[in-house]
Amino acid sequence: MKIPIGSTAELGLLIRATRHAHNLRLDDVAGSANVGAVFVGDVEHGKETVQIGRVFRLLDELGLKVIIDIPQSALPELEKLKKTGLKPRALRNKKKTTEGPANG
């Protein structure tokens, strides 16, 4: 069944429901997904700042797939990016301070 997800809270509920439906303990799923139990709890409670790579590991462990419904107009750009890839990100310059040592 495909269910639209519009928030981290909705995703968390779906993950928790799936885990419960399979009679899996939170720490067991965490261990097999190679994430911490606190992390799984955070995801299930809709924490917005979790690491997406770890969320994908959790989804994979539960047999859940992410499907994105993109507009038809974006498909040509997506195909182009798949062929060319992204340019490496430029390194950010750290702000240099021009202040000298304090005079005392």
C-alpha atoms as a PDB file:
ATOM      1  CA  MET A   1       0.000   0.000   0.000  1.00  0.00           C
ATOM      2  CA  LYS A   2       1.325   3.459  -0.869  1.00  0.00           C
ATOM      3  CA  ILE A   3       0.872   6.101   1.815  1.00  0.00           C
ATOM      4  CA  PRO A   4       1.835   9.741   1.275  1.00  0.00           C
ATOM      5  CA  ILE A   5       4.202  11.109   3.908  1.00  0.00           C
ATOM      6  CA  GLY A   6       4.291  14.836   4.563  1.00  0.00           C
ATOM      7  CA  SER A   7       6.182  15.106   7.826  1.00  0.00           C
ATOM      8  CA  THR A   8       8.724  13.391  10.019  1.00  0.00           C
ATOM      9  CA  ALA A   9       5.925  12.622  12.485  1.00  0.00           C
ATOM     10  CA  GLU A  10       3.966  10.741   9.801  1.00  0.00           C
ATOM     11  CA  LEU A  11       7.097   8.821   8.793  1.00  0.00           C
ATOM     12  CA  GLY A  12       7.750   7.946  12.419  1.00  0.00           C
ATOM     13  CA  LEU A  13       4.239   6.581  12.887  1.00  0.00           C
ATOM     14  CA  LEU A  14       4.573   4.456   9.774  1.00  0.00           C
ATOM     15  CA  ILE A  15       7.909   3.059  10.965  1.00  0.00           C
ATOM     16  CA  ARG A  16       6.539   2.293  14.430  1.00  0.00           C
ATOM     17  CA  ALA A  17       3.401   0.643  13.002  1.00  0.00           C
ATOM     18  CA  THR A  18       5.527  -1.534  10.720  1.00  0.00           C
ATOM     19  CA  ARG A  19       7.837  -2.535  13.555  1.00  0.00           C
ATOM     20  CA  HIS A  20       4.885  -3.414  15.805  1.00  0.00           C
ATOM     21  CA  ALA A  21       3.135  -5.330  13.013  1.00  0.00           C
ATOM     22  CA  HIS A  22       6.229  -7.529  12.713  1.00  0.00           C
ATOM     23  CA  ASN A  23       6.449  -7.937  16.507  1.00  0.00           C
ATOM     24  CA  LEU A  24       9.946  -6.462  16.540  1.00  0.00           C
ATOM     25  CA  ARG A  25      11.494  -4.847  19.577  1.00  0.00           C
ATOM     26  CA  LEU A  26      12.952  -1.405  19.114  1.00  0.00           C
ATOM     27  CA  ASP A  27      16.453  -2.492  20.170  1.00  0.00           C
ATOM     28  CA  ASP A  28      16.377  -5.526  17.852  1.00  0.00           C
ATOM     29  CA  VAL A  29      15.540  -3.374  14.824  1.00  0.00           C
ATOM     30  CA  ALA A  30      18.170  -0.855  15.877  1.00  0.00           C
ATOM     31  CA  GLY A  31      20.844  -3.537  16.108  1.00  0.00           C
ATOM     32  CA  SER A  32      20.074  -5.127  12.761  1.00  0.00           C
ATOM     33  CA  ALA A  33      19.905  -1.702  11.053  1.00  0.00           C
ATOM     34  CA  ASN A  34      23.212  -0.760  12.702  1.00  0.00           C
ATOM     35  CA  VAL A  35      21.737   2.291  14.441  1.00  0.00           C
ATOM     36  CA  GLY A  36      21.103   3.011  18.091  1.00  0.00           C
ATOM     37  CA  ALA A  37      17.868   2.345  19.943  1.00  0.00           C
ATOM     38  CA  VAL A  38      17.648   6.033  20.901  1.00  0.00           C
ATOM     39  CA  PHE A  39      17.906   6.891  17.204  1.00  0.00           C
ATOM     40  CA  VAL A  40      15.006   4.567  16.336  1.00  0.00           C
ATOM     41  CA  GLY A  41      12.950   6.111  19.131  1.00  0.00           C
ATOM     42  CA  ASP A  42      13.758   9.588  17.841  1.00  0.00           C
ATOM     43  CA  VAL A  43      12.663   8.628  14.321  1.00  0.00           C
ATOM     44  CA  GLU A  44       9.449   7.038  15.582  1.00  0.00           C
ATOM     45  CA  HIS A  45       8.673  10.209  17.534  1.00  0.00           C
ATOM     46  CA  GLY A  46       9.174  12.401  14.469  1.00  0.00           C
ATOM     47  CA  LYS A  47      12.439  14.124  15.378  1.00  0.00           C
ATOM     48  CA  GLU A  48      13.225  16.415  12.456  1.00  0.00           C
ATOM     49  CA  THR A  49      17.013  16.468  12.719  1.00  0.00           C
ATOM     50  CA  VAL A  50      17.847  12.778  12.310  1.00  0.00           C
ATOM     51  CA  GLN A  51      20.438  11.724   9.735  1.00  0.00           C
ATOM     52  CA  ILE A  52      18.736  10.680   6.518  1.00  0.00           C
ATOM     53  CA  GLY A  53      21.294   7.996   5.656  1.00  0.00           C
ATOM     54  CA  ARG A  54      20.562   6.240   8.933  1.00  0.00           C
ATOM     55  CA  VAL A  55      16.809   6.611   8.322  1.00  0.00           C
ATOM     56  CA  PHE A  56      17.252   4.820   5.000  1.00  0.00           C
ATOM     57  CA  ARG A  57      19.067   1.969   6.783  1.00  0.00           C
ATOM     58  CA  LEU A  58      16.145   1.707   9.207  1.00  0.00           C
ATOM     59  CA  LEU A  59      13.589   1.756   6.381  1.00  0.00           C
ATOM     60  CA  ASP A  60      15.526  -0.922   4.530  1.00  0.00           C
ATOM     61  CA  GLU A  61      15.664  -3.132   7.611  1.00  0.00           C
ATOM     62  CA  LEU A  62      11.872  -2.895   7.940  1.00  0.00           C
ATOM     63  CA  GLY A  63      11.335  -3.597   4.225  1.00  0.00           C
ATOM     64  CA  LEU A  64      10.002  -0.102   3.518  1.00  0.00           C
ATOM     65  CA  LYS A  65      10.754   1.694   0.266  1.00  0.00           C
ATOM     66  CA  VAL A  66      10.762   5.412  -0.471  1.00  0.00           C
ATOM     67  CA  ILE A  67       9.067   6.419  -3.713  1.00  0.00           C
ATOM     68  CA  ILE A  68       9.090  10.066  -4.761  1.00  0.00           C
ATOM     69  CA  ASP A  69       6.421  11.386  -7.113  1.00  0.00           C
ATOM     70  CA  ILE A  70       8.251  14.094  -9.065  1.00  0.00           C
ATOM     71  CA  PRO A  71       6.653  16.349 -11.682  1.00  0.00           C
ATOM     72  CA  GLN A  72       6.970  15.231 -15.293  1.00  0.00           C
ATOM     73  CA  SER A  73       8.744  18.507 -16.079  1.00  0.00           C
ATOM     74  CA  ALA A  74      11.672  17.517 -13.818  1.00  0.00           C
ATOM     75  CA  LEU A  75      12.393  14.198 -15.580  1.00  0.00           C
ATOM     76  CA  PRO A  76      14.645  15.629 -18.340  1.00  0.00           C
ATOM     77  CA  GLU A  77      16.784  17.401 -15.733  1.00  0.00           C
ATOM     78  CA  LEU A  78      16.937  14.240 -13.619  1.00  0.00           C
ATOM     79  CA  GLU A  79      18.149  12.196 -16.597  1.00  0.00           C
ATOM     80  CA  LYS A  80      20.754  14.841 -17.395  1.00  0.00           C
ATOM     81  CA  LEU A  81      22.025  14.806 -13.801  1.00  0.00           C
ATOM     82  CA  LYS A  82      22.167  11.012 -13.772  1.00  0.00           C
ATOM     83  CA  LYS A  83      24.453  11.117 -16.827  1.00  0.00           C
ATOM     84  CA  THR A  84      26.697  13.999 -15.794  1.00  0.00           C
ATOM     85  CA  GLY A  85      26.544  13.782 -12.016  1.00  0.00           C
ATOM     86  CA  LEU A  86      27.015  16.733  -9.732  1.00  0.00           C
ATOM     87  CA  LYS A  87      30.093  18.915  -9.619  1.00  0.00           C
ATOM     88  CA  PRO A  88      32.087  18.495  -6.432  1.00  0.00           C
ATOM     89  CA  ARG A  89      31.202  21.079  -3.840  1.00  0.00           C
ATOM     90  CA  ALA A  90      33.661  23.914  -3.468  1.00  0.00           C
ATOM     91  CA  LEU A  91      35.393  24.129  -0.119  1.00  0.00           C
ATOM     92  CA  ARG A  92      34.083  26.925   2.029  1.00  0.00           C
ATOM     93  CA  ASN A  93      36.551  29.609   3.016  1.00  0.00           C
ATOM     94  CA  LYS A  94      36.713  30.135   6.731  1.00  0.00           C
ATOM     95  CA  LYS A  95      36.475  33.757   7.739  1.00  0.00           C
ATOM     96  CA  LYS A  96      39.871  35.022   8.687  1.00  0.00           C
ATOM     97  CA  THR A  97      40.088  37.470  11.514  1.00  0.00           C
ATOM     98  CA  THR A  98      42.213  40.531  10.948  1.00  0.00           C
ATOM     99  CA  GLU A  99      42.543  41.331  14.591  1.00  0.00           C
ATOM    100  CA  GLY A 100      46.001  41.097  16.030  1.00  0.00           C
ATOM    101  CA  PRO A 101      46.938  40.209  19.584  1.00  0.00           C
ATOM    102  CA  ALA A 102      45.325  42.351  22.221  1.00  0.00           C
ATOM    103  CA  ASN A 103      47.444  45.204  23.453  1.00  0.00           C
ATOM    104  CA  GLY A 104      47.586  45.443  27.194  1.00  0.00           C
END
